[in-house]
Amino acid sequence: MTTDRLLTVQEVAERLGTGVRFPRRLIEERRITFVKVGRHVRIPESAVEAFVAANTVEPVILRPMALRGAA
């Protein structure tokens, strides 16, 4: 088992640059892994990294106009 830092909802919100409602909604919709410690909810650091990686959109690389065929 790896030792993964458990983050509070507030810490996750700060890392994602959002309000606390967003990570709470992710938890409610079961879109992110979380741990219940008694009545407290914690999110593993790796789960935040995995969420960001899974939702990262790569840019589209367009070819220059000169290389395109004339239509």
Protein backbone atom coordinates (compact mmCIF):
# COMPACT_ATOMS: atom_id res chain seq x y z
CA MET A 1 0.00 0.00 0.00
CA THR A 2 1.33 3.41 -0.91
CA THR A 3 1.18 6.25 1.57
CA ASP A 4 -0.86 8.92 -0.14
CA ARG A 5 -1.58 12.25 1.50
CA LEU A 6 -5.27 12.73 2.25
CA LEU A 7 -6.53 16.20 1.39
CA THR A 8 -9.51 18.05 2.79
CA VAL A 9 -12.23 19.33 0.48
CA GLN A 10 -10.88 22.85 1.02
CA GLU A 11 -7.35 21.79 0.00
CA VAL A 12 -8.68 20.10 -3.15
CA ALA A 13 -10.66 23.22 -4.03
CA GLU A 14 -7.51 25.34 -3.66
CA ARG A 15 -5.49 22.96 -5.86
CA LEU A 16 -8.16 22.96 -8.56
CA GLY A 17 -8.72 26.70 -8.29
CA THR A 18 -12.42 26.28 -7.55
CA GLY A 19 -14.81 26.76 -4.69
CA VAL A 20 -15.52 23.96 -2.22
CA ARG A 21 -18.83 23.19 -3.93
CA PHE A 22 -17.05 21.67 -6.95
CA PRO A 23 -15.10 18.94 -5.08
CA ARG A 24 -18.18 18.27 -2.94
CA ARG A 25 -20.19 17.73 -6.11
CA LEU A 26 -17.49 15.38 -7.46
CA ILE A 27 -17.80 13.38 -4.24
CA GLU A 28 -21.60 13.36 -4.33
CA GLU A 29 -21.63 12.19 -7.96
CA ARG A 30 -18.89 9.60 -7.20
CA ARG A 31 -16.66 11.11 -9.91
CA ILE A 32 -13.56 11.14 -7.67
CA THR A 33 -12.16 8.65 -5.19
CA PHE A 34 -12.63 9.65 -1.56
CA VAL A 35 -12.16 8.26 1.93
CA LYS A 36 -14.53 8.67 4.84
CA VAL A 37 -12.75 9.12 8.15
CA GLY A 38 -15.59 9.06 10.62
CA ARG A 39 -17.83 11.86 9.44
CA HIS A 40 -15.00 13.62 7.60
CA VAL A 41 -14.31 13.22 3.90
CA ARG A 42 -10.76 13.15 2.57
CA ILE A 43 -9.53 12.85 -1.00
CA PRO A 44 -6.23 11.12 -1.79
CA GLU A 45 -3.70 13.33 -3.55
CA SER A 46 -3.34 10.72 -6.30
CA ALA A 47 -7.12 10.85 -6.93
CA VAL A 48 -6.90 14.60 -7.60
CA GLU A 49 -3.97 14.06 -9.98
CA ALA A 50 -5.85 11.23 -11.74
CA PHE A 51 -8.98 13.39 -12.06
CA VAL A 52 -7.00 16.23 -13.63
CA ALA A 53 -5.17 13.84 -15.99
CA ALA A 54 -8.41 12.14 -17.06
CA ASN A 55 -10.09 15.48 -17.80
CA THR A 56 -7.18 17.18 -19.54
CA VAL A 57 -7.95 18.05 -23.14
CA GLU A 58 -5.00 18.15 -25.52
CA PRO A 59 -4.88 21.03 -28.02
CA VAL A 60 -5.61 20.41 -31.68
CA ILE A 61 -2.60 21.06 -33.89
CA LEU A 62 -3.61 22.62 -37.18
CA ARG A 63 -1.49 22.43 -40.29
CA PRO A 64 -0.38 25.73 -41.79
CA MET A 65 -2.62 27.09 -44.55
CA ALA A 66 0.15 26.78 -47.19
CA LEU A 67 0.31 23.01 -46.73
CA ARG A 68 -3.42 22.46 -47.18
CA GLY A 69 -4.69 21.42 -50.56
CA ALA A 70 -6.71 23.95 -52.55
CA ALA A 71 -10.39 23.18 -52.45
